[in-house]
Amino acid sequence: MTQLNEEELKRLVKAAIPDAEVIVRLFSGDDHFEMEVRSSAFAGKSRIAQHRMVYAALGEHMREAIHALKLKTSPR
């Protein structure tokens, strides 16, 4: 799998969670990211469920292209 950049990660999340507001920053090397995601789809869901939605959007990239992800989610 190829390396990802911030815009590609944002695109993946928005494809799975269309109303998401996504901020992605690279914080170390080329595979350590921090991400903030806000979406009405998170309303009523636990933090774990919210994170699982984002992980599902990133799919296999979480295993192969992303070494570390600092994730913050919240409903709008």
PDB file of N, CA and C in Angstrom:
ATOM      1  N   MET A   1       0.831  -1.178   0.000  1.00  0.00           N
ATOM      2  CA  MET A   1       0.000   0.000   0.000  1.00  0.00           C
ATOM      3  C   MET A   1       0.881   1.250   0.000  1.00  0.00           C
ATOM      4  N   THR A   2       0.430   2.284  -0.639  1.00  0.00           N
ATOM      5  CA  THR A   2       1.211   3.502  -0.734  1.00  0.00           C
ATOM      6  C   THR A   2       1.036   4.375   0.501  1.00  0.00           C
ATOM      7  N   GLN A   3       1.937   5.345   0.632  1.00  0.00           N
ATOM      8  CA  GLN A   3       1.827   6.288   1.735  1.00  0.00           C
ATOM      9  C   GLN A   3       0.641   7.210   1.485  1.00  0.00           C
ATOM     10  N   LEU A   4       0.047   7.663   2.562  1.00  0.00           N
ATOM     11  CA  LEU A   4      -1.091   8.567   2.487  1.00  0.00           C
ATOM     12  C   LEU A   4      -0.677   9.952   2.933  1.00  0.00           C
ATOM     13  N   ASN A   5      -1.368  10.952   2.413  1.00  0.00           N
ATOM     14  CA  ASN A   5      -1.169  12.307   2.920  1.00  0.00           C
ATOM     15  C   ASN A   5      -2.461  12.765   3.595  1.00  0.00           C
ATOM     16  N   GLU A   6      -2.422  13.953   4.139  1.00  0.00           N
ATOM     17  CA  GLU A   6      -3.552  14.465   4.899  1.00  0.00           C
ATOM     18  C   GLU A   6      -4.828  14.551   4.062  1.00  0.00           C
ATOM     19  N   GLU A   7      -4.718  15.014   2.831  1.00  0.00           N
ATOM     20  CA  GLU A   7      -5.899  15.162   1.976  1.00  0.00           C
ATOM     21  C   GLU A   7      -6.527  13.813   1.627  1.00  0.00           C
ATOM     22  N   GLU A   8      -5.706  12.804   1.416  1.00  0.00           N
ATOM     23  CA  GLU A   8      -6.241  11.475   1.104  1.00  0.00           C
ATOM     24  C   GLU A   8      -6.984  10.892   2.302  1.00  0.00           C
ATOM     25  N   LEU A   9      -6.445  11.093   3.498  1.00  0.00           N
ATOM     26  CA  LEU A   9      -7.131  10.621   4.702  1.00  0.00           C
ATOM     27  C   LEU A   9      -8.472  11.334   4.871  1.00  0.00           C
ATOM     28  N   LYS A  10      -8.465  12.627   4.660  1.00  0.00           N
ATOM     29  CA  LYS A  10      -9.700  13.409   4.762  1.00  0.00           C
ATOM     30  C   LYS A  10     -10.734  12.896   3.761  1.00  0.00           C
ATOM     31  N   ARG A  11     -10.304  12.617   2.546  1.00  0.00           N
ATOM     32  CA  ARG A  11     -11.211  12.127   1.505  1.00  0.00           C
ATOM     33  C   ARG A  11     -11.820  10.784   1.896  1.00  0.00           C
ATOM     34  N   LEU A  12     -11.018   9.885   2.456  1.00  0.00           N
ATOM     35  CA  LEU A  12     -11.520   8.575   2.877  1.00  0.00           C
ATOM     36  C   LEU A  12     -12.603   8.706   3.945  1.00  0.00           C
ATOM     37  N   VAL A  13     -12.369   9.566   4.928  1.00  0.00           N
ATOM     38  CA  VAL A  13     -13.355   9.741   6.003  1.00  0.00           C
ATOM     39  C   VAL A  13     -14.625  10.372   5.458  1.00  0.00           C
ATOM     40  N   LYS A  14     -14.492  11.394   4.627  1.00  0.00           N
ATOM     41  CA  LYS A  14     -15.676  12.067   4.083  1.00  0.00           C
ATOM     42  C   LYS A  14     -16.464  11.157   3.138  1.00  0.00           C
ATOM     43  N   ALA A  15     -15.808  10.212   2.492  1.00  0.00           N
ATOM     44  CA  ALA A  15     -16.522   9.263   1.628  1.00  0.00           C
ATOM     45  C   ALA A  15     -17.435   8.360   2.463  1.00  0.00           C
ATOM     46  N   ALA A  16     -16.998   8.005   3.661  1.00  0.00           N
ATOM     47  CA  ALA A  16     -17.777   7.122   4.530  1.00  0.00           C
ATOM     48  C   ALA A  16     -18.745   7.884   5.432  1.00  0.00           C
ATOM     49  N   ILE A  17     -18.371   9.113   5.795  1.00  0.00           N
ATOM     50  CA  ILE A  17     -19.184   9.938   6.695  1.00  0.00           C
ATOM     51  C   ILE A  17     -19.344  11.293   6.006  1.00  0.00           C
ATOM     52  N   PRO A  18     -20.282  11.406   5.071  1.00  0.00           N
ATOM     53  CA  PRO A  18     -20.364  12.575   4.178  1.00  0.00           C
ATOM     54  C   PRO A  18     -20.463  13.944   4.862  1.00  0.00           C
ATOM     55  N   ASP A  19     -21.132  14.023   6.015  1.00  0.00           N
ATOM     56  CA  ASP A  19     -21.277  15.342   6.640  1.00  0.00           C
ATOM     57  C   ASP A  19     -20.133  15.681   7.593  1.00  0.00           C
ATOM     58  N   ALA A  20     -19.116  14.854   7.623  1.00  0.00           N
ATOM     59  CA  ALA A  20     -18.014  15.035   8.572  1.00  0.00           C
ATOM     60  C   ALA A  20     -17.207  16.295   8.281  1.00  0.00           C
ATOM     61  N   GLU A  21     -16.839  16.974   9.348  1.00  0.00           N
ATOM     62  CA  GLU A  21     -15.836  18.035   9.294  1.00  0.00           C
ATOM     63  C   GLU A  21     -14.547  17.345   9.741  1.00  0.00           C
ATOM     64  N   VAL A  22     -13.542  17.351   8.894  1.00  0.00           N
ATOM     65  CA  VAL A  22     -12.324  16.589   9.162  1.00  0.00           C
ATOM     66  C   VAL A  22     -11.104  17.497   9.092  1.00  0.00           C
ATOM     67  N   ILE A  23     -10.296  17.450  10.138  1.00  0.00           N
ATOM     68  CA  ILE A  23      -9.011  18.149  10.168  1.00  0.00           C
ATOM     69  C   ILE A  23      -7.942  17.079  10.372  1.00  0.00           C
ATOM     70  N   VAL A  24      -6.954  17.053   9.495  1.00  0.00           N
ATOM     71  CA  VAL A  24      -5.875  16.070   9.590  1.00  0.00           C
ATOM     72  C   VAL A  24      -4.549  16.804   9.582  1.00  0.00           C
ATOM     73  N   ARG A  25      -3.666  16.390  10.489  1.00  0.00           N
ATOM     74  CA  ARG A  25      -2.322  16.946  10.541  1.00  0.00           C
ATOM     75  C   ARG A  25      -1.322  15.800  10.636  1.00  0.00           C
ATOM     76  N   LEU A  26      -0.209  15.970   9.984  1.00  0.00           N
ATOM     77  CA  LEU A  26       0.920  15.056  10.110  1.00  0.00           C
ATOM     78  C   LEU A  26       1.715  15.529  11.320  1.00  0.00           C
ATOM     79  N   PHE A  27       2.029  14.641  12.271  1.00  0.00           N
ATOM     80  CA  PHE A  27       2.761  15.129  13.429  1.00  0.00           C
ATOM     81  C   PHE A  27       4.123  14.496  13.625  1.00  0.00           C
ATOM     82  N   SER A  28       4.482  13.490  12.851  1.00  0.00           N
ATOM     83  CA  SER A  28       5.816  12.920  12.970  1.00  0.00           C
ATOM     84  C   SER A  28       6.063  12.013  11.775  1.00  0.00           C
ATOM     85  N   GLY A  29       7.205  12.156  11.164  1.00  0.00           N
ATOM     86  CA  GLY A  29       7.520  11.313  10.023  1.00  0.00           C
ATOM     87  C   GLY A  29       6.504  11.483   8.909  1.00  0.00           C
ATOM     88  N   ASP A  30       6.201  10.374   8.232  1.00  0.00           N
ATOM     89  CA  ASP A  30       5.226  10.457   7.151  1.00  0.00           C
ATOM     90  C   ASP A  30       4.054   9.510   7.372  1.00  0.00           C
ATOM     91  N   ASP A  31       3.949   8.924   8.582  1.00  0.00           N
ATOM     92  CA  ASP A  31       2.857   7.990   8.837  1.00  0.00           C
ATOM     93  C   ASP A  31       2.256   8.123  10.234  1.00  0.00           C
ATOM     94  N   HIS A  32       2.492   9.250  10.903  1.00  0.00           N
ATOM     95  CA  HIS A  32       1.913   9.553  12.213  1.00  0.00           C
ATOM     96  C   HIS A  32       0.989  10.758  12.035  1.00  0.00           C
ATOM     97  N   PHE A  33      -0.296  10.549  12.257  1.00  0.00           N
ATOM     98  CA  PHE A  33      -1.281  11.600  12.006  1.00  0.00           C
ATOM     99  C   PHE A  33      -2.089  11.896  13.256  1.00  0.00           C
ATOM    100  N   GLU A  34      -2.626  13.108  13.295  1.00  0.00           N
ATOM    101  CA  GLU A  34      -3.660  13.431  14.258  1.00  0.00           C
ATOM    102  C   GLU A  34      -4.856  13.922  13.470  1.00  0.00           C
ATOM    103  N   MET A  35      -6.051  13.520  13.944  1.00  0.00           N
ATOM    104  CA  MET A  35      -7.263  13.798  13.185  1.00  0.00           C
ATOM    105  C   MET A  35      -8.384  14.197  14.143  1.00  0.00           C
ATOM    106  N   GLU A  36      -9.128  15.217  13.744  1.00  0.00           N
ATOM    107  CA  GLU A  36     -10.338  15.615  14.457  1.00  0.00           C
ATOM    108  C   GLU A  36     -11.492  15.444  13.499  1.00  0.00           C
ATOM    109  N   VAL A  37     -12.536  14.756  13.956  1.00  0.00           N
ATOM    110  CA  VAL A  37     -13.700  14.507  13.110  1.00  0.00           C
ATOM    111  C   VAL A  37     -14.950  14.867  13.892  1.00  0.00           C
ATOM    112  N   ARG A  38     -15.781  15.720  13.296  1.00  0.00           N
ATOM    113  CA  ARG A  38     -17.083  16.084  13.864  1.00  0.00           C
ATOM    114  C   ARG A  38     -18.144  15.673  12.862  1.00  0.00           C
ATOM    115  N   SER A  39     -19.212  15.031  13.362  1.00  0.00           N
ATOM    116  CA  SER A  39     -20.283  14.607  12.468  1.00  0.00           C
ATOM    117  C   SER A  39     -21.567  14.395  13.248  1.00  0.00           C
ATOM    118  N   SER A  40     -22.690  14.700  12.622  1.00  0.00           N
ATOM    119  CA  SER A  40     -23.981  14.417  13.244  1.00  0.00           C
ATOM    120  C   SER A  40     -24.205  12.908  13.327  1.00  0.00           C
ATOM    121  N   ALA A  41     -23.500  12.124  12.516  1.00  0.00           N
ATOM    122  CA  ALA A  41     -23.608  10.658  12.559  1.00  0.00           C
ATOM    123  C   ALA A  41     -23.099  10.099  13.887  1.00  0.00           C
ATOM    124  N   PHE A  42     -22.343  10.879  14.640  1.00  0.00           N
ATOM    125  CA  PHE A  42     -21.808  10.436  15.930  1.00  0.00           C
ATOM    126  C   PHE A  42     -22.805  10.647  17.075  1.00  0.00           C
ATOM    127  N   ALA A  43     -23.874  11.380  16.841  1.00  0.00           N
ATOM    128  CA  ALA A  43     -24.838  11.695  17.905  1.00  0.00           C
ATOM    129  C   ALA A  43     -25.384  10.411  18.525  1.00  0.00           C
ATOM    130  N   GLY A  44     -25.344  10.358  19.844  1.00  0.00           N
ATOM    131  CA  GLY A  44     -25.869   9.214  20.573  1.00  0.00           C
ATOM    132  C   GLY A  44     -24.959   8.000  20.594  1.00  0.00           C
ATOM    133  N   LYS A  45     -23.808   8.086  19.966  1.00  0.00           N
ATOM    134  CA  LYS A  45     -22.869   6.960  19.927  1.00  0.00           C
ATOM    135  C   LYS A  45     -21.756   7.180  20.950  1.00  0.00           C
ATOM    136  N   SER A  46     -21.258   6.088  21.498  1.00  0.00           N
ATOM    137  CA  SER A  46     -20.140   6.187  22.441  1.00  0.00           C
ATOM    138  C   SER A  46     -18.885   6.625  21.686  1.00  0.00           C
ATOM    139  N   ARG A  47     -17.897   7.069  22.426  1.00  0.00           N
ATOM    140  CA  ARG A  47     -16.627   7.466  21.818  1.00  0.00           C
ATOM    141  C   ARG A  47     -16.009   6.290  21.060  1.00  0.00           C
ATOM    142  N   ILE A  48     -16.124   5.097  21.628  1.00  0.00           N
ATOM    143  CA  ILE A  48     -15.581   3.908  20.958  1.00  0.00           C
ATOM    144  C   ILE A  48     -16.293   3.668  19.628  1.00  0.00           C
ATOM    145  N   ALA A  49     -17.605   3.790  19.612  1.00  0.00           N
ATOM    146  CA  ALA A  49     -18.367   3.599  18.374  1.00  0.00           C
ATOM    147  C   ALA A  49     -17.990   4.661  17.337  1.00  0.00           C
ATOM    148  N   GLN A  50     -17.781   5.897  17.790  1.00  0.00           N
ATOM    149  CA  GLN A  50     -17.368   6.974  16.886  1.00  0.00           C
ATOM    150  C   GLN A  50     -16.016   6.642  16.260  1.00  0.00           C
ATOM    151  N   HIS A  51     -15.087   6.207  17.084  1.00  0.00           N
ATOM    152  CA  HIS A  51     -13.742   5.874  16.590  1.00  0.00           C
ATOM    153  C   HIS A  51     -13.797   4.697  15.628  1.00  0.00           C
ATOM    154  N   ARG A  52     -14.638   3.722  15.933  1.00  0.00           N
ATOM    155  CA  ARG A  52     -14.767   2.575  15.033  1.00  0.00           C
ATOM    156  C   ARG A  52     -15.279   2.999  13.657  1.00  0.00           C
ATOM    157  N   MET A  53     -16.165   3.988  13.620  1.00  0.00           N
ATOM    158  CA  MET A  53     -16.665   4.486  12.333  1.00  0.00           C
ATOM    159  C   MET A  53     -15.512   5.083  11.506  1.00  0.00           C
ATOM    160  N   VAL A  54     -14.642   5.828  12.170  1.00  0.00           N
ATOM    161  CA  VAL A  54     -13.503   6.427  11.470  1.00  0.00           C
ATOM    162  C   VAL A  54     -12.525   5.342  11.035  1.00  0.00           C
ATOM    163  N   TYR A  55     -12.241   4.388  11.926  1.00  0.00           N
ATOM    164  CA  TYR A  55     -11.336   3.289  11.566  1.00  0.00           C
ATOM    165  C   TYR A  55     -11.879   2.501  10.382  1.00  0.00           C
ATOM    166  N   ALA A  56     -13.197   2.280  10.353  1.00  0.00           N
ATOM    167  CA  ALA A  56     -13.809   1.561   9.231  1.00  0.00           C
ATOM    168  C   ALA A  56     -13.619   2.343   7.934  1.00  0.00           C
ATOM    169  N   ALA A  57     -13.726   3.666   8.020  1.00  0.00           N
ATOM    170  CA  ALA A  57     -13.532   4.505   6.831  1.00  0.00           C
ATOM    171  C   ALA A  57     -12.099   4.404   6.310  1.00  0.00           C
ATOM    172  N   LEU A  58     -11.150   4.250   7.209  1.00  0.00           N
ATOM    173  CA  LEU A  58      -9.746   4.176   6.816  1.00  0.00           C
ATOM    174  C   LEU A  58      -9.346   2.768   6.388  1.00  0.00           C
ATOM    175  N   GLY A  59     -10.134   1.779   6.773  1.00  0.00           N
ATOM    176  CA  GLY A  59      -9.960   0.406   6.320  1.00  0.00           C
ATOM    177  C   GLY A  59      -8.557  -0.131   6.512  1.00  0.00           C
ATOM    178  N   GLU A  60      -8.055  -0.798   5.489  1.00  0.00           N
ATOM    179  CA  GLU A  60      -6.740  -1.448   5.538  1.00  0.00           C
ATOM    180  C   GLU A  60      -5.585  -0.464   5.724  1.00  0.00           C
ATOM    181  N   HIS A  61      -5.830   0.810   5.450  1.00  0.00           N
ATOM    182  CA  HIS A  61      -4.783   1.816   5.647  1.00  0.00           C
ATOM    183  C   HIS A  61      -4.336   1.867   7.110  1.00  0.00           C
ATOM    184  N   MET A  62      -5.262   1.534   8.034  1.00  0.00           N
ATOM    185  CA  MET A  62      -4.903   1.532   9.454  1.00  0.00           C
ATOM    186  C   MET A  62      -3.855   0.465   9.753  1.00  0.00           C
ATOM    187  N   ARG A  63      -3.823  -0.593   8.997  1.00  0.00           N
ATOM    188  CA  ARG A  63      -2.857  -1.667   9.226  1.00  0.00           C
ATOM    189  C   ARG A  63      -1.568  -1.453   8.455  1.00  0.00           C
ATOM    190  N   GLU A  64      -1.676  -0.805   7.300  1.00  0.00           N
ATOM    191  CA  GLU A  64      -0.539  -0.800   6.389  1.00  0.00           C
ATOM    192  C   GLU A  64       0.138   0.555   6.181  1.00  0.00           C
ATOM    193  N   ALA A  65      -0.611   1.630   6.171  1.00  0.00           N
ATOM    194  CA  ALA A  65      -0.021   2.924   5.815  1.00  0.00           C
ATOM    195  C   ALA A  65       0.025   3.919   6.973  1.00  0.00           C
ATOM    196  N   ILE A  66      -0.754   3.668   8.016  1.00  0.00           N
ATOM    197  CA  ILE A  66      -0.805   4.592   9.150  1.00  0.00           C
ATOM    198  C   ILE A  66      -0.170   3.902  10.349  1.00  0.00           C
ATOM    199  N   HIS A  67       0.938   4.453  10.815  1.00  0.00           N
ATOM    200  CA  HIS A  67       1.613   3.852  11.963  1.00  0.00           C
ATOM    201  C   HIS A  67       0.954   4.292  13.269  1.00  0.00           C
ATOM    202  N   ALA A  68       0.557   5.568  13.338  1.00  0.00           N
ATOM    203  CA  ALA A  68      -0.072   6.090  14.547  1.00  0.00           C
ATOM    204  C   ALA A  68      -1.144   7.100  14.155  1.00  0.00           C
ATOM    205  N   LEU A  69      -2.250   7.062  14.891  1.00  0.00           N
ATOM    206  CA  LEU A  69      -3.341   8.004  14.651  1.00  0.00           C
ATOM    207  C   LEU A  69      -3.869   8.489  15.991  1.00  0.00           C
ATOM    208  N   LYS A  70      -3.698   9.770  16.246  1.00  0.00           N
ATOM    209  CA  LYS A  70      -4.292  10.403  17.427  1.00  0.00           C
ATOM    210  C   LYS A  70      -5.643  10.927  16.950  1.00  0.00           C
ATOM    211  N   LEU A  71      -6.717  10.383  17.489  1.00  0.00           N
ATOM    212  CA  LEU A  71      -8.053  10.663  16.975  1.00  0.00           C
ATOM    213  C   LEU A  71      -8.929  11.311  18.022  1.00  0.00           C
ATOM    214  N   LYS A  72      -9.599  12.378  17.617  1.00  0.00           N
ATOM    215  CA  LYS A  72     -10.575  13.055  18.471  1.00  0.00           C
ATOM    216  C   LYS A  72     -11.862  13.156  17.668  1.00  0.00           C
ATOM    217  N   THR A  73     -12.962  12.638  18.225  1.00  0.00           N
ATOM    218  CA  THR A  73     -14.251  12.702  17.532  1.00  0.00           C
ATOM    219  C   THR A  73     -15.268  13.377  18.425  1.00  0.00           C
ATOM    220  N   SER A  74     -16.293  13.973  17.790  1.00  0.00           N
ATOM    221  CA  SER A  74     -17.391  14.566  18.529  1.00  0.00           C
ATOM    222  C   SER A  74     -18.577  14.759  17.595  1.00  0.00           C
ATOM    223  N   PRO A  75     -19.795  14.703  18.170  1.00  0.00           N
ATOM    224  CA  PRO A  75     -20.969  14.989  17.348  1.00  0.00           C
ATOM    225  C   PRO A  75     -21.113  16.481  17.128  1.00  0.00           C
ATOM    226  N   ARG A  76     -21.819  16.850  16.089  1.00  0.00           N
ATOM    227  CA  ARG A  76     -22.087  18.273  15.850  1.00  0.00           C
ATOM    228  C   ARG A  76     -23.367  18.657  16.515  1.00  0.00           C
TER     229      ARG A  76
END
